[in-house]
N, C-alpha and C. Protein backbone atom coordinates (compact mmCIF):
# COMPACT_ATOMS: atom_id res chain seq x y z
N MET A 1 88.05 -260.20 -15.35
CA MET A 1 88.64 -258.98 -15.86
C MET A 1 89.07 -258.17 -14.65
N ASP A 2 90.31 -257.67 -14.70
CA ASP A 2 90.79 -256.87 -13.59
C ASP A 2 90.30 -255.43 -13.71
N VAL A 3 90.55 -254.62 -12.74
CA VAL A 3 90.06 -253.24 -12.68
C VAL A 3 90.61 -252.41 -13.84
N ALA A 4 91.88 -252.59 -14.20
CA ALA A 4 92.47 -251.82 -15.29
C ALA A 4 91.81 -252.19 -16.62
N GLY A 5 91.54 -253.49 -16.83
CA GLY A 5 90.88 -253.95 -18.06
C GLY A 5 89.45 -253.43 -18.13
N PHE A 6 88.75 -253.42 -17.02
CA PHE A 6 87.38 -252.92 -16.97
C PHE A 6 87.35 -251.42 -17.26
N ALA A 7 88.32 -250.69 -16.73
CA ALA A 7 88.38 -249.25 -16.97
C ALA A 7 88.65 -248.97 -18.45
N ALA A 8 89.55 -249.75 -19.07
CA ALA A 8 89.84 -249.56 -20.49
C ALA A 8 88.61 -249.87 -21.33
N PHE A 9 87.89 -250.94 -20.97
CA PHE A 9 86.65 -251.30 -21.68
C PHE A 9 85.62 -250.18 -21.50
N GLY A 10 85.53 -249.60 -20.33
CA GLY A 10 84.60 -248.50 -20.06
C GLY A 10 84.91 -247.27 -20.90
N ASP A 11 86.21 -246.97 -21.07
CA ASP A 11 86.61 -245.83 -21.89
C ASP A 11 86.20 -246.05 -23.35
N ASP A 12 86.37 -247.28 -23.85
CA ASP A 12 85.98 -247.59 -25.23
C ASP A 12 84.46 -247.46 -25.40
N ALA A 13 83.71 -247.91 -24.43
CA ALA A 13 82.25 -247.84 -24.50
C ALA A 13 81.79 -246.38 -24.50
N VAL A 14 82.43 -245.57 -23.67
CA VAL A 14 82.09 -244.14 -23.63
C VAL A 14 82.40 -243.50 -24.98
N ALA A 15 83.52 -243.83 -25.57
CA ALA A 15 83.89 -243.27 -26.87
C ALA A 15 82.88 -243.67 -27.95
N VAL A 16 82.43 -244.91 -27.90
CA VAL A 16 81.43 -245.38 -28.88
C VAL A 16 80.13 -244.63 -28.68
N VAL A 17 79.69 -244.50 -27.45
CA VAL A 17 78.43 -243.80 -27.16
C VAL A 17 78.53 -242.34 -27.61
N VAL A 18 79.64 -241.68 -27.29
CA VAL A 18 79.83 -240.29 -27.71
C VAL A 18 79.81 -240.19 -29.23
N GLY A 19 80.46 -241.12 -29.92
CA GLY A 19 80.47 -241.12 -31.38
C GLY A 19 79.07 -241.29 -31.96
N VAL A 20 78.30 -242.20 -31.37
CA VAL A 20 76.92 -242.43 -31.84
C VAL A 20 76.06 -241.18 -31.60
N VAL A 21 76.20 -240.57 -30.45
CA VAL A 21 75.44 -239.36 -30.15
C VAL A 21 75.79 -238.23 -31.11
N LEU A 22 77.08 -238.05 -31.36
CA LEU A 22 77.50 -237.00 -32.29
C LEU A 22 76.99 -237.27 -33.71
N ALA A 23 77.07 -238.51 -34.15
CA ALA A 23 76.59 -238.86 -35.50
C ALA A 23 75.08 -238.65 -35.57
N GLY A 24 74.36 -239.07 -34.55
CA GLY A 24 72.90 -238.86 -34.52
C GLY A 24 72.55 -237.38 -34.51
N GLY A 25 73.30 -236.61 -33.74
CA GLY A 25 73.06 -235.16 -33.70
C GLY A 25 73.32 -234.52 -35.05
N GLY A 26 74.38 -234.97 -35.73
CA GLY A 26 74.68 -234.45 -37.06
C GLY A 26 73.59 -234.80 -38.06
N TRP A 27 73.07 -236.02 -37.98
CA TRP A 27 71.99 -236.44 -38.87
C TRP A 27 70.74 -235.61 -38.63
N VAL A 28 70.37 -235.39 -37.37
CA VAL A 28 69.19 -234.58 -37.04
C VAL A 28 69.39 -233.14 -37.54
N TYR A 29 70.56 -232.59 -37.33
CA TYR A 29 70.85 -231.22 -37.80
C TYR A 29 70.71 -231.14 -39.31
N HIS A 30 71.26 -232.12 -40.02
CA HIS A 30 71.16 -232.15 -41.49
C HIS A 30 69.70 -232.21 -41.92
N LYS A 31 68.90 -233.04 -41.30
CA LYS A 31 67.47 -233.15 -41.65
C LYS A 31 66.73 -231.85 -41.37
N GLN A 32 67.05 -231.18 -40.28
CA GLN A 32 66.41 -229.90 -39.96
C GLN A 32 66.79 -228.85 -40.99
N GLN A 33 68.06 -228.79 -41.38
CA GLN A 33 68.51 -227.83 -42.38
C GLN A 33 67.84 -228.12 -43.73
N GLN A 34 67.73 -229.40 -44.07
CA GLN A 34 67.08 -229.79 -45.31
C GLN A 34 65.61 -229.35 -45.31
N ALA A 35 64.92 -229.54 -44.20
CA ALA A 35 63.51 -229.13 -44.09
C ALA A 35 63.38 -227.61 -44.17
N ARG A 36 64.29 -226.88 -43.53
CA ARG A 36 64.25 -225.41 -43.61
C ARG A 36 64.46 -224.94 -45.04
N TRP A 37 65.44 -225.54 -45.73
CA TRP A 37 65.70 -225.13 -47.11
C TRP A 37 64.51 -225.45 -48.00
N GLU A 38 63.90 -226.60 -47.80
CA GLU A 38 62.72 -226.96 -48.60
C GLU A 38 61.58 -225.97 -48.36
N ALA A 39 61.40 -225.54 -47.13
CA ALA A 39 60.35 -224.56 -46.83
C ALA A 39 60.64 -223.22 -47.51
N VAL A 40 61.89 -222.79 -47.48
CA VAL A 40 62.27 -221.54 -48.14
C VAL A 40 62.07 -221.66 -49.64
N ARG A 41 62.50 -222.77 -50.22
CA ARG A 41 62.34 -222.98 -51.65
C ARG A 41 60.86 -222.98 -52.05
N ALA A 42 60.05 -223.67 -51.27
CA ALA A 42 58.62 -223.76 -51.58
C ALA A 42 57.95 -222.39 -51.49
N GLN A 43 58.34 -221.58 -50.52
CA GLN A 43 57.73 -220.25 -50.38
C GLN A 43 58.06 -219.36 -51.57
N GLY A 44 59.19 -219.58 -52.19
CA GLY A 44 59.59 -218.76 -53.31
C GLY A 44 59.22 -219.34 -54.67
N LEU A 45 58.50 -220.45 -54.67
CA LEU A 45 58.16 -221.12 -55.92
C LEU A 45 57.25 -220.25 -56.78
N ARG A 46 57.66 -220.03 -58.01
CA ARG A 46 56.90 -219.24 -58.98
C ARG A 46 57.04 -219.89 -60.34
N TYR A 47 55.99 -219.81 -61.13
CA TYR A 47 56.02 -220.26 -62.51
C TYR A 47 55.44 -219.18 -63.39
N GLY A 48 56.00 -219.02 -64.57
CA GLY A 48 55.39 -218.19 -65.60
C GLY A 48 54.55 -219.09 -66.49
N LEU A 49 53.59 -218.52 -67.17
CA LEU A 49 52.73 -219.33 -68.04
C LEU A 49 53.53 -220.03 -69.14
N SER A 50 54.55 -219.37 -69.67
CA SER A 50 55.36 -220.02 -70.71
C SER A 50 56.08 -221.25 -70.16
N GLN A 51 56.50 -221.18 -68.90
CA GLN A 51 57.13 -222.34 -68.27
C GLN A 51 56.12 -223.48 -68.15
N LEU A 52 54.91 -223.16 -67.71
CA LEU A 52 53.88 -224.18 -67.55
C LEU A 52 53.47 -224.77 -68.90
N ASP A 53 53.38 -223.93 -69.92
CA ASP A 53 53.03 -224.42 -71.26
C ASP A 53 54.05 -225.43 -71.76
N ALA A 54 55.32 -225.23 -71.45
CA ALA A 54 56.40 -226.07 -71.96
C ALA A 54 56.49 -227.43 -71.26
N LEU A 55 55.77 -227.61 -70.17
CA LEU A 55 55.86 -228.85 -69.41
C LEU A 55 55.12 -230.00 -70.09
N HIS A 56 55.57 -231.20 -69.83
CA HIS A 56 54.83 -232.42 -70.16
C HIS A 56 53.63 -232.46 -69.22
N HIS A 57 52.55 -233.11 -69.61
CA HIS A 57 51.35 -233.09 -68.75
C HIS A 57 51.61 -233.64 -67.35
N ALA A 58 52.47 -234.64 -67.23
CA ALA A 58 52.77 -235.18 -65.89
C ALA A 58 53.54 -234.16 -65.06
N ARG A 59 54.46 -233.42 -65.68
CA ARG A 59 55.20 -232.38 -64.96
C ARG A 59 54.29 -231.22 -64.60
N PHE A 60 53.26 -230.97 -65.41
CA PHE A 60 52.26 -229.96 -65.08
C PHE A 60 51.53 -230.35 -63.79
N GLU A 61 51.19 -231.61 -63.65
CA GLU A 61 50.57 -232.10 -62.42
C GLU A 61 51.52 -231.92 -61.24
N ASP A 62 52.80 -232.20 -61.45
CA ASP A 62 53.80 -231.99 -60.39
C ASP A 62 53.85 -230.51 -59.99
N ALA A 63 53.79 -229.62 -60.98
CA ALA A 63 53.83 -228.19 -60.70
C ALA A 63 52.63 -227.76 -59.88
N VAL A 64 51.44 -228.28 -60.20
CA VAL A 64 50.24 -227.95 -59.43
C VAL A 64 50.39 -228.48 -58.00
N ARG A 65 50.90 -229.68 -57.85
CA ARG A 65 51.16 -230.23 -56.50
C ARG A 65 52.12 -229.33 -55.73
N ASP A 66 53.20 -228.90 -56.39
CA ASP A 66 54.19 -228.06 -55.72
C ASP A 66 53.61 -226.70 -55.33
N LEU A 67 52.73 -226.15 -56.15
CA LEU A 67 52.08 -224.88 -55.80
C LEU A 67 51.18 -225.07 -54.58
N MET A 68 50.49 -226.19 -54.49
CA MET A 68 49.67 -226.45 -53.31
C MET A 68 50.56 -226.59 -52.07
N ARG A 69 51.69 -227.25 -52.21
CA ARG A 69 52.63 -227.36 -51.09
C ARG A 69 53.14 -225.98 -50.69
N ARG A 70 53.46 -225.15 -51.68
CA ARG A 70 53.91 -223.78 -51.40
C ARG A 70 52.89 -223.04 -50.56
N ASP A 71 51.62 -223.30 -50.83
CA ASP A 71 50.54 -222.62 -50.14
C ASP A 71 50.21 -223.21 -48.77
N GLY A 72 50.95 -224.22 -48.33
CA GLY A 72 50.75 -224.77 -46.99
C GLY A 72 50.07 -226.12 -46.94
N CYS A 73 49.84 -226.75 -48.07
CA CYS A 73 49.24 -228.09 -48.11
C CYS A 73 50.37 -229.12 -48.09
N HIS A 74 50.87 -229.39 -46.92
CA HIS A 74 52.07 -230.20 -46.77
C HIS A 74 51.88 -231.64 -47.22
N ASP A 75 50.63 -232.11 -47.30
CA ASP A 75 50.37 -233.48 -47.71
C ASP A 75 50.02 -233.61 -49.19
N ALA A 76 50.19 -232.53 -49.96
CA ALA A 76 49.81 -232.55 -51.38
C ALA A 76 50.57 -233.66 -52.11
N VAL A 77 49.83 -234.45 -52.87
CA VAL A 77 50.41 -235.54 -53.64
C VAL A 77 49.84 -235.56 -55.04
N ARG A 78 50.67 -235.98 -55.96
CA ARG A 78 50.21 -236.20 -57.33
C ARG A 78 49.75 -237.64 -57.42
N VAL A 79 48.51 -237.85 -57.83
CA VAL A 79 47.94 -239.19 -57.94
C VAL A 79 47.49 -239.48 -59.35
N GLY A 80 47.71 -238.55 -60.27
CA GLY A 80 47.24 -238.68 -61.64
C GLY A 80 47.90 -239.82 -62.38
N GLY A 81 47.23 -240.23 -63.42
CA GLY A 81 47.71 -241.32 -64.25
C GLY A 81 46.52 -242.14 -64.69
N GLY A 82 46.78 -243.24 -65.35
CA GLY A 82 45.69 -244.11 -65.77
C GLY A 82 44.86 -244.59 -64.59
N GLY A 83 43.56 -244.48 -64.70
CA GLY A 83 42.68 -244.93 -63.63
C GLY A 83 42.64 -244.01 -62.43
N ASP A 84 42.97 -242.72 -62.60
CA ASP A 84 43.00 -241.80 -61.46
C ASP A 84 41.62 -241.36 -61.00
N LEU A 85 40.59 -241.76 -61.74
CA LEU A 85 39.21 -241.42 -61.38
C LEU A 85 39.02 -239.92 -61.18
N GLY A 86 39.58 -239.14 -62.08
CA GLY A 86 39.35 -237.71 -62.08
C GLY A 86 40.15 -236.91 -61.07
N ALA A 87 41.17 -237.50 -60.48
CA ALA A 87 42.00 -236.77 -59.51
C ALA A 87 43.45 -236.85 -59.93
N ASP A 88 44.07 -235.70 -60.14
CA ASP A 88 45.49 -235.67 -60.44
C ASP A 88 46.32 -235.23 -59.24
N VAL A 89 45.75 -234.36 -58.41
CA VAL A 89 46.42 -233.87 -57.21
C VAL A 89 45.41 -233.87 -56.07
N LYS A 90 45.84 -234.36 -54.92
CA LYS A 90 45.02 -234.30 -53.70
C LYS A 90 45.82 -233.57 -52.64
N ALA A 91 45.12 -232.80 -51.82
CA ALA A 91 45.81 -232.03 -50.78
C ALA A 91 44.82 -231.65 -49.69
N THR A 92 45.35 -231.35 -48.53
CA THR A 92 44.57 -230.80 -47.43
C THR A 92 45.17 -229.44 -47.09
N ASP A 93 44.34 -228.40 -47.14
CA ASP A 93 44.86 -227.06 -46.87
C ASP A 93 44.99 -226.83 -45.37
N PRO A 94 45.62 -225.74 -44.96
CA PRO A 94 45.83 -225.47 -43.53
C PRO A 94 44.52 -225.32 -42.75
N TYR A 95 43.40 -225.18 -43.44
CA TYR A 95 42.10 -225.06 -42.79
C TYR A 95 41.38 -226.40 -42.68
N GLY A 96 42.03 -227.46 -43.12
CA GLY A 96 41.46 -228.79 -43.01
C GLY A 96 40.59 -229.22 -44.18
N ARG A 97 40.47 -228.39 -45.20
CA ARG A 97 39.65 -228.75 -46.36
C ARG A 97 40.42 -229.68 -47.29
N HIS A 98 39.72 -230.69 -47.78
CA HIS A 98 40.31 -231.65 -48.71
C HIS A 98 40.07 -231.18 -50.15
N TRP A 99 41.16 -231.07 -50.90
CA TRP A 99 41.13 -230.60 -52.28
C TRP A 99 41.38 -231.77 -53.22
N VAL A 100 40.60 -231.82 -54.28
CA VAL A 100 40.84 -232.76 -55.38
C VAL A 100 40.94 -231.91 -56.64
N ILE A 101 42.06 -232.06 -57.34
CA ILE A 101 42.33 -231.23 -58.51
C ILE A 101 42.53 -232.12 -59.73
N GLN A 102 41.80 -231.81 -60.79
CA GLN A 102 41.99 -232.44 -62.08
C GLN A 102 42.76 -231.45 -62.95
N CYS A 103 43.87 -231.88 -63.51
CA CYS A 103 44.71 -231.01 -64.34
C CYS A 103 44.47 -231.30 -65.82
N LYS A 104 44.34 -230.25 -66.59
CA LYS A 104 44.18 -230.36 -68.04
C LYS A 104 45.23 -229.48 -68.71
N HIS A 105 46.36 -230.08 -69.03
CA HIS A 105 47.44 -229.35 -69.67
C HIS A 105 47.22 -229.32 -71.17
N ARG A 106 47.37 -228.15 -71.74
CA ARG A 106 47.26 -227.96 -73.18
C ARG A 106 48.62 -227.54 -73.71
N ARG A 107 49.20 -228.37 -74.58
CA ARG A 107 50.52 -228.11 -75.14
C ARG A 107 50.57 -226.74 -75.81
N ASN A 108 49.48 -226.33 -76.42
CA ASN A 108 49.45 -225.06 -77.13
C ASN A 108 48.76 -223.95 -76.33
N GLY A 109 48.63 -224.12 -75.04
CA GLY A 109 48.03 -223.08 -74.19
C GLY A 109 46.65 -222.68 -74.68
N LEU A 110 46.44 -221.40 -74.88
CA LEU A 110 45.14 -220.90 -75.34
C LEU A 110 44.75 -221.44 -76.71
N ALA A 111 45.72 -221.75 -77.54
CA ALA A 111 45.42 -222.26 -78.88
C ALA A 111 45.02 -223.74 -78.87
N GLY A 112 45.22 -224.42 -77.75
CA GLY A 112 44.85 -225.83 -77.64
C GLY A 112 43.36 -226.00 -77.46
N SER A 113 42.92 -227.25 -77.43
CA SER A 113 41.50 -227.52 -77.27
C SER A 113 41.02 -227.03 -75.91
N ALA A 114 39.79 -226.54 -75.90
CA ALA A 114 39.21 -226.00 -74.66
C ALA A 114 38.77 -227.13 -73.74
N VAL A 115 38.83 -226.89 -72.45
CA VAL A 115 38.28 -227.82 -71.47
C VAL A 115 36.76 -227.67 -71.55
N GLY A 116 36.08 -228.79 -71.69
CA GLY A 116 34.64 -228.74 -71.86
C GLY A 116 33.87 -229.38 -70.71
N THR A 117 32.57 -229.38 -70.85
CA THR A 117 31.68 -229.93 -69.83
C THR A 117 31.99 -231.39 -69.50
N PRO A 118 32.31 -232.26 -70.48
CA PRO A 118 32.62 -233.65 -70.12
C PRO A 118 33.76 -233.78 -69.10
N ASP A 119 34.77 -232.93 -69.19
CA ASP A 119 35.88 -232.97 -68.22
C ASP A 119 35.37 -232.64 -66.82
N LEU A 120 34.50 -231.67 -66.74
CA LEU A 120 33.94 -231.29 -65.44
C LEU A 120 32.96 -232.33 -64.92
N GLN A 121 32.27 -233.02 -65.81
CA GLN A 121 31.35 -234.07 -65.37
C GLN A 121 32.10 -235.21 -64.70
N VAL A 122 33.26 -235.56 -65.23
CA VAL A 122 34.08 -236.60 -64.60
C VAL A 122 34.49 -236.14 -63.20
N LEU A 123 34.99 -234.92 -63.10
CA LEU A 123 35.38 -234.38 -61.79
C LEU A 123 34.21 -234.37 -60.83
N ASN A 124 33.06 -233.92 -61.31
CA ASN A 124 31.87 -233.84 -60.47
C ASN A 124 31.41 -235.22 -59.99
N GLY A 125 31.60 -236.22 -60.83
CA GLY A 125 31.14 -237.56 -60.47
C GLY A 125 32.03 -238.30 -59.50
N THR A 126 33.27 -237.85 -59.35
CA THR A 126 34.20 -238.60 -58.50
C THR A 126 34.81 -237.80 -57.36
N ALA A 127 34.96 -236.51 -57.52
CA ALA A 127 35.73 -235.72 -56.53
C ALA A 127 35.19 -235.88 -55.12
N ARG A 128 33.91 -235.69 -54.94
CA ARG A 128 33.33 -235.76 -53.59
C ARG A 128 33.02 -237.20 -53.19
N GLN A 129 32.38 -237.92 -54.09
CA GLN A 129 31.91 -239.27 -53.76
C GLN A 129 33.05 -240.28 -53.61
N VAL A 130 34.02 -240.24 -54.51
CA VAL A 130 35.12 -241.21 -54.49
C VAL A 130 36.30 -240.71 -53.66
N HIS A 131 36.65 -239.45 -53.82
CA HIS A 131 37.87 -238.92 -53.21
C HIS A 131 37.63 -238.11 -51.93
N GLY A 132 36.39 -237.83 -51.57
CA GLY A 132 36.09 -237.10 -50.34
C GLY A 132 36.45 -235.63 -50.37
N ALA A 133 36.33 -234.99 -51.54
CA ALA A 133 36.72 -233.58 -51.67
C ALA A 133 35.74 -232.64 -50.99
N ASP A 134 36.30 -231.63 -50.36
CA ASP A 134 35.52 -230.47 -49.93
C ASP A 134 35.55 -229.43 -51.05
N VAL A 135 36.67 -229.40 -51.77
CA VAL A 135 36.87 -228.45 -52.86
C VAL A 135 37.32 -229.25 -54.08
N ALA A 136 36.53 -229.18 -55.15
CA ALA A 136 36.85 -229.86 -56.40
C ALA A 136 37.22 -228.81 -57.44
N VAL A 137 38.39 -228.98 -58.06
CA VAL A 137 38.95 -227.96 -58.94
C VAL A 137 39.45 -228.59 -60.23
N ILE A 138 39.24 -227.90 -61.34
CA ILE A 138 39.90 -228.26 -62.58
C ILE A 138 40.84 -227.11 -62.93
N VAL A 139 42.10 -227.46 -63.24
CA VAL A 139 43.13 -226.47 -63.55
C VAL A 139 43.61 -226.70 -64.97
N THR A 140 43.64 -225.64 -65.75
CA THR A 140 44.16 -225.73 -67.10
C THR A 140 45.03 -224.53 -67.43
N ASN A 141 45.99 -224.76 -68.30
CA ASN A 141 46.80 -223.67 -68.83
C ASN A 141 46.18 -223.15 -70.13
N GLY A 142 45.00 -223.64 -70.44
CA GLY A 142 44.30 -223.25 -71.66
C GLY A 142 43.03 -222.48 -71.35
N ARG A 143 42.01 -222.77 -72.11
CA ARG A 143 40.74 -222.07 -71.95
C ARG A 143 39.65 -223.07 -71.58
N VAL A 144 38.52 -222.53 -71.15
CA VAL A 144 37.38 -223.34 -70.71
C VAL A 144 36.16 -222.83 -71.46
N THR A 145 35.33 -223.76 -71.95
CA THR A 145 34.14 -223.34 -72.69
C THR A 145 33.13 -222.69 -71.74
N ALA A 146 32.30 -221.82 -72.29
CA ALA A 146 31.26 -221.15 -71.49
C ALA A 146 30.30 -222.16 -70.88
N PRO A 147 29.83 -223.19 -71.61
CA PRO A 147 28.96 -224.18 -70.98
C PRO A 147 29.64 -224.90 -69.81
N ALA A 148 30.95 -225.14 -69.92
CA ALA A 148 31.67 -225.79 -68.83
C ALA A 148 31.72 -224.89 -67.59
N VAL A 149 31.94 -223.59 -67.80
CA VAL A 149 31.94 -222.64 -66.68
C VAL A 149 30.56 -222.61 -66.02
N ASP A 150 29.51 -222.60 -66.81
CA ASP A 150 28.15 -222.62 -66.25
C ASP A 150 27.90 -223.90 -65.46
N PHE A 151 28.31 -225.03 -66.01
CA PHE A 151 28.15 -226.31 -65.31
C PHE A 151 28.91 -226.30 -63.98
N ALA A 152 30.12 -225.78 -64.00
CA ALA A 152 30.93 -225.71 -62.78
C ALA A 152 30.22 -224.91 -61.71
N LYS A 153 29.64 -223.78 -62.08
CA LYS A 153 28.92 -222.96 -61.09
C LYS A 153 27.73 -223.71 -60.53
N GLN A 154 26.98 -224.38 -61.39
CA GLN A 154 25.80 -225.14 -60.95
C GLN A 154 26.17 -226.25 -59.97
N GLN A 155 27.32 -226.87 -60.19
CA GLN A 155 27.73 -228.03 -59.40
C GLN A 155 28.72 -227.70 -58.28
N HIS A 156 28.97 -226.43 -58.07
CA HIS A 156 29.90 -225.98 -57.03
C HIS A 156 31.31 -226.55 -57.23
N LEU A 157 31.72 -226.55 -58.50
CA LEU A 157 33.08 -226.90 -58.87
C LEU A 157 33.85 -225.61 -59.11
N HIS A 158 35.15 -225.67 -59.05
CA HIS A 158 35.98 -224.49 -59.26
C HIS A 158 36.81 -224.67 -60.52
N VAL A 159 36.87 -223.61 -61.31
CA VAL A 159 37.63 -223.62 -62.55
C VAL A 159 38.80 -222.64 -62.42
N VAL A 160 40.00 -223.17 -62.64
CA VAL A 160 41.20 -222.35 -62.69
C VAL A 160 41.63 -222.34 -64.15
N ASP A 161 41.26 -221.26 -64.84
CA ASP A 161 41.62 -221.12 -66.24
C ASP A 161 43.02 -220.52 -66.35
N ARG A 162 43.43 -220.24 -67.57
CA ARG A 162 44.79 -219.74 -67.82
C ARG A 162 45.07 -218.46 -67.03
N HIS A 163 44.11 -217.54 -67.02
CA HIS A 163 44.33 -216.27 -66.32
C HIS A 163 44.52 -216.51 -64.82
N THR A 164 43.62 -217.27 -64.21
CA THR A 164 43.72 -217.53 -62.76
C THR A 164 44.99 -218.32 -62.45
N LEU A 165 45.32 -219.28 -63.31
CA LEU A 165 46.56 -220.04 -63.12
C LEU A 165 47.76 -219.12 -63.14
N GLY A 166 47.78 -218.18 -64.06
CA GLY A 166 48.90 -217.24 -64.15
C GLY A 166 49.07 -216.43 -62.87
N VAL A 167 47.95 -215.96 -62.31
CA VAL A 167 48.00 -215.19 -61.06
C VAL A 167 48.49 -216.08 -59.92
N TRP A 168 47.94 -217.29 -59.82
CA TRP A 168 48.31 -218.20 -58.74
C TRP A 168 49.78 -218.61 -58.84
N ALA A 169 50.21 -219.02 -60.03
CA ALA A 169 51.56 -219.56 -60.20
C ALA A 169 52.65 -218.51 -60.05
N SER A 170 52.33 -217.26 -60.35
CA SER A 170 53.37 -216.24 -60.30
C SER A 170 53.37 -215.42 -59.02
N GLY A 171 52.38 -215.64 -58.17
CA GLY A 171 52.26 -214.82 -56.98
C GLY A 171 52.47 -215.59 -55.70
N SER A 172 52.10 -214.94 -54.62
CA SER A 172 52.27 -215.57 -53.32
C SER A 172 50.93 -215.80 -52.62
N ARG A 173 49.83 -215.60 -53.34
CA ARG A 173 48.51 -215.83 -52.75
C ARG A 173 48.10 -217.28 -52.96
N PRO A 174 47.60 -217.92 -51.92
CA PRO A 174 47.15 -219.30 -52.07
C PRO A 174 45.90 -219.38 -52.96
N LEU A 175 45.69 -220.52 -53.55
CA LEU A 175 44.60 -220.72 -54.49
C LEU A 175 43.25 -220.39 -53.88
N TRP A 176 43.04 -220.73 -52.61
CA TRP A 176 41.73 -220.50 -51.99
C TRP A 176 41.39 -219.02 -51.87
N GLU A 177 42.39 -218.15 -51.93
CA GLU A 177 42.11 -216.72 -51.93
C GLU A 177 41.71 -216.20 -53.31
N LEU A 178 41.97 -216.99 -54.34
CA LEU A 178 41.65 -216.59 -55.70
C LEU A 178 40.31 -217.13 -56.20
N LEU A 179 39.76 -218.09 -55.49
CA LEU A 179 38.51 -218.72 -55.91
C LEU A 179 37.34 -218.18 -55.12
N ARG A 180 36.19 -218.14 -55.77
CA ARG A 180 34.98 -217.68 -55.08
C ARG A 180 34.26 -218.88 -54.44
N ALA A 181 33.59 -218.62 -53.37
CA ALA A 181 32.71 -219.60 -52.72
C ALA A 181 33.41 -220.89 -52.31
N VAL A 182 34.61 -220.78 -51.78
CA VAL A 182 35.29 -221.95 -51.22
C VAL A 182 34.62 -222.27 -49.89
N PRO A 183 34.39 -223.56 -49.61
CA PRO A 183 33.74 -223.92 -48.35
C PRO A 183 34.49 -223.37 -47.13
N PRO A 184 33.78 -223.17 -46.03
CA PRO A 184 34.45 -222.67 -44.81
C PRO A 184 35.43 -223.70 -44.26
N PRO A 185 36.35 -223.25 -43.42
CA PRO A 185 37.32 -224.18 -42.83
C PRO A 185 36.63 -225.32 -42.09
N ARG A 186 37.25 -226.47 -42.11
CA ARG A 186 36.75 -227.64 -41.37
C ARG A 186 37.07 -227.51 -39.88
N ARG A 187 38.20 -226.87 -39.61
CA ARG A 187 38.64 -226.76 -38.20
C ARG A 187 39.28 -225.40 -38.00
N PRO A 188 39.16 -224.86 -36.82
CA PRO A 188 39.83 -223.58 -36.55
C PRO A 188 41.34 -223.79 -36.56
N THR A 189 42.04 -222.80 -37.10
CA THR A 189 43.50 -222.84 -37.12
C THR A 189 44.01 -221.47 -36.73
N ALA A 190 45.31 -221.37 -36.65
CA ALA A 190 45.92 -220.07 -36.35
C ALA A 190 45.65 -219.08 -37.49
N LEU A 191 45.34 -219.61 -38.68
CA LEU A 191 45.08 -218.77 -39.84
C LEU A 191 43.63 -218.27 -39.88
N SER A 192 42.73 -218.95 -39.16
CA SER A 192 41.32 -218.57 -39.26
C SER A 192 40.88 -217.64 -38.16
């Protein structure tokens, strides 16, 4: 190859490299913008109780996952379904605590069947031992029986009833600020 041919080949190679760099830069910019928009959307996420009541039970689990993400649990996942062993949503909060949440959606809200002690017994039997929870929670858009509330207190489980769910879903306070006796942070963070 003569000098002129080598120079022409070099110009083509430079053009290809520049094109690849520009395309890669555009892709990175797009991903950054997408992440920023997702963060803004998550921070503004709100639900009314009527919206939650109207959801299918699987979408209710998605909503609880999204609320945990809004609150800074970036790894929140919905794991519910057949054989979920009492866990519908798992998450790690910004303080390093592992959350296991069992969701009990009632199509008729307060008029639906109450969450009872058997539901909490399942959560109690699996949340810590099987799923490694620091915080075990049952969330319902309905009501909870008094014996179930007593059992939850005895076993250090957390109950998010319709009232607490309404406050959490419509506000900007994370769930751990609404619950009593949440375990201390696992690790120091900028928030602690």
